[in-house]
Amino acid sequence: MKTIASAALLTLGLATAAASSASAQDIAAGERSWNKCRACHQIGEGAKNLVGPHLNGLFGRHTGAVEGYSYSAANKGADITWNEAIFAEYIKDPRAKIPGTKMIFAGIKNEKEIADLTAFLKQFGKDGKKS
């Protein structure tokens, strides 16, 4: 009986360790996914607006709120505050979520990739520093 209990604890410990390292891998996978975004967006300290606005502090930010970026009327009027669920819906098909947006992007359909990208983006505060 002791052997079964020890094996169960060992299995639980390994599962917990795997889950912890999976979280770190998710951010790394999100950074790789970010490569699809970086042609138009910047993130991190010193990020600037390019074809699209910088994405520092995205979550909790209202649409059309990055100073110095020229948003479409559709984006300004969307009245969206970015959170994980809204971002996931948007990134799948930006033009379906905000008809008239200037963002030309085919979208990311894979739920895991969206979650990984979200984890990567959430690291960056409004000032571009990683939390």
Protein backbone atom coordinates (compact mmCIF):
# COMPACT_ATOMS: atom_id res chain seq x y z
CA MET A 1 0.00 0.00 0.00
CA LYS A 2 2.90 2.33 0.82
CA THR A 3 4.30 1.72 -2.67
CA ILE A 4 1.00 2.71 -4.31
CA ALA A 5 0.78 5.88 -2.20
CA SER A 6 4.40 6.75 -2.99
CA ALA A 7 3.81 6.18 -6.70
CA ALA A 8 0.70 8.36 -6.59
CA LEU A 9 2.61 11.18 -4.86
CA LEU A 10 5.46 10.87 -7.35
CA THR A 11 3.02 11.00 -10.26
CA LEU A 12 1.30 14.06 -8.77
CA GLY A 13 4.67 15.75 -8.26
CA LEU A 14 5.73 15.05 -11.83
CA ALA A 15 2.41 16.34 -13.17
CA THR A 16 2.79 19.55 -11.16
CA ALA A 17 6.35 20.03 -12.40
CA ALA A 18 5.24 19.41 -15.98
CA ALA A 19 2.43 21.94 -15.61
CA SER A 20 4.86 24.53 -14.23
CA SER A 21 7.29 24.07 -17.10
CA ALA A 22 4.40 24.10 -19.57
CA SER A 23 3.56 27.62 -18.39
CA ALA A 24 7.08 28.77 -19.20
CA GLN A 25 6.88 27.02 -22.55
CA ASP A 26 3.57 28.75 -23.27
CA ILE A 27 5.22 32.16 -23.04
CA ALA A 28 8.07 30.96 -25.26
CA ALA A 29 5.55 29.61 -27.77
CA GLY A 30 3.68 32.92 -27.55
CA GLU A 31 6.88 34.78 -28.34
CA ARG A 32 7.29 32.64 -31.46
CA SER A 33 3.67 33.41 -32.39
CA TRP A 34 4.45 37.11 -31.85
CA ASN A 35 6.61 36.91 -34.97
CA LYS A 36 3.34 37.03 -36.96
CA CYS A 37 2.57 40.39 -35.34
CA ARG A 38 5.92 42.12 -35.29
CA ALA A 39 5.84 43.33 -38.89
CA CYS A 40 3.12 45.80 -37.84
CA HIS A 41 3.37 46.07 -34.03
CA GLN A 42 6.06 46.56 -31.40
CA ILE A 43 6.09 45.63 -27.74
CA GLY A 44 8.50 46.20 -24.90
CA GLU A 45 10.48 49.16 -23.65
CA GLY A 46 10.90 51.75 -26.36
CA ALA A 47 8.08 50.28 -28.50
CA LYS A 48 6.70 52.64 -31.11
CA ASN A 49 3.63 52.72 -33.30
CA LEU A 50 4.25 51.25 -36.73
CA VAL A 51 1.57 50.20 -39.22
CA GLY A 52 -0.32 49.19 -36.06
CA PRO A 53 -0.15 50.61 -32.53
CA HIS A 54 2.34 49.31 -29.98
CA LEU A 55 0.82 46.61 -27.80
CA ASN A 56 2.26 47.51 -24.40
CA GLY A 57 -0.41 47.24 -21.72
CA LEU A 58 -2.95 45.86 -24.20
CA PHE A 59 -5.14 44.08 -21.67
CA GLY A 60 -7.33 46.55 -19.84
CA ARG A 61 -6.81 49.19 -22.53
CA HIS A 62 -9.72 50.66 -24.48
CA THR A 63 -9.77 50.47 -28.29
CA GLY A 64 -8.37 53.53 -30.02
CA ALA A 65 -6.41 54.64 -26.94
CA VAL A 66 -2.72 54.55 -27.94
CA GLU A 67 -1.48 58.11 -28.16
CA GLY A 68 -0.08 59.09 -31.52
CA TYR A 69 -1.65 56.26 -33.50
CA SER A 70 -4.16 57.04 -36.27
CA TYR A 71 -6.97 54.54 -35.70
CA SER A 72 -9.81 53.77 -38.08
CA ALA A 73 -13.23 55.18 -37.17
CA ALA A 74 -14.37 51.57 -36.71
CA ASN A 75 -11.68 50.90 -34.11
CA LYS A 76 -12.24 54.18 -32.28
CA GLY A 77 -15.97 53.52 -32.15
CA ALA A 78 -15.75 49.84 -31.21
CA ASP A 79 -16.06 50.61 -27.49
CA ILE A 80 -14.02 47.56 -26.49
CA THR A 81 -11.81 47.14 -23.46
CA TRP A 82 -9.32 44.43 -24.29
CA ASN A 83 -9.39 41.32 -22.14
CA GLU A 84 -8.38 37.73 -22.85
CA ALA A 85 -11.76 36.63 -24.24
CA ILE A 86 -12.21 39.65 -26.51
CA PHE A 87 -8.62 39.42 -27.75
CA ALA A 88 -9.09 35.70 -28.53
CA GLU A 89 -12.22 36.45 -30.54
CA TYR A 90 -10.55 39.40 -32.30
CA ILE A 91 -7.30 37.70 -33.23
CA LYS A 92 -9.18 34.83 -34.93
CA ASP A 93 -10.68 37.26 -37.45
CA PRO A 94 -10.04 40.97 -36.78
CA ARG A 95 -12.36 42.22 -39.54
CA ALA A 96 -15.25 40.11 -38.28
CA LYS A 97 -14.88 41.45 -34.72
CA ILE A 98 -14.38 45.09 -35.78
CA PRO A 99 -15.77 45.57 -39.29
CA GLY A 100 -13.93 48.44 -40.96
CA THR A 101 -10.70 48.01 -38.98
CA LYS A 102 -7.48 48.86 -40.82
CA MET A 103 -5.90 45.66 -39.53
CA ILE A 104 -5.27 43.31 -42.41
CA PHE A 105 -4.45 39.96 -40.86
CA ALA A 106 -5.75 36.50 -41.70
CA GLY A 107 -6.03 35.68 -38.00
CA ILE A 108 -4.84 32.95 -35.69
CA LYS A 109 -7.38 30.14 -35.41
CA ASN A 110 -5.60 27.75 -33.06
CA GLU A 111 -6.85 28.17 -29.46
CA LYS A 112 -3.54 27.05 -27.90
CA GLU A 113 -1.56 29.48 -30.04
CA ILE A 114 -3.93 32.29 -29.04
CA ALA A 115 -3.51 31.39 -25.36
CA ASP A 116 0.29 31.32 -25.77
CA LEU A 117 0.31 34.68 -27.57
CA THR A 118 -1.92 36.12 -24.85
CA ALA A 119 0.48 34.90 -22.14
CA PHE A 120 3.36 36.54 -23.99
CA LEU A 121 1.54 39.87 -24.46
CA LYS A 122 0.31 39.99 -20.85
CA GLN A 123 3.91 40.19 -19.61
CA PHE A 124 4.23 43.77 -20.86
CA GLY A 125 2.86 46.66 -18.83
CA LYS A 126 1.91 50.09 -20.14
CA ASP A 127 5.53 51.17 -19.85
CA GLY A 128 6.71 48.18 -21.86
CA LYS A 129 8.47 46.56 -18.91
CA LYS A 130 7.95 42.88 -18.26
CA SER A 131 6.09 42.10 -15.08
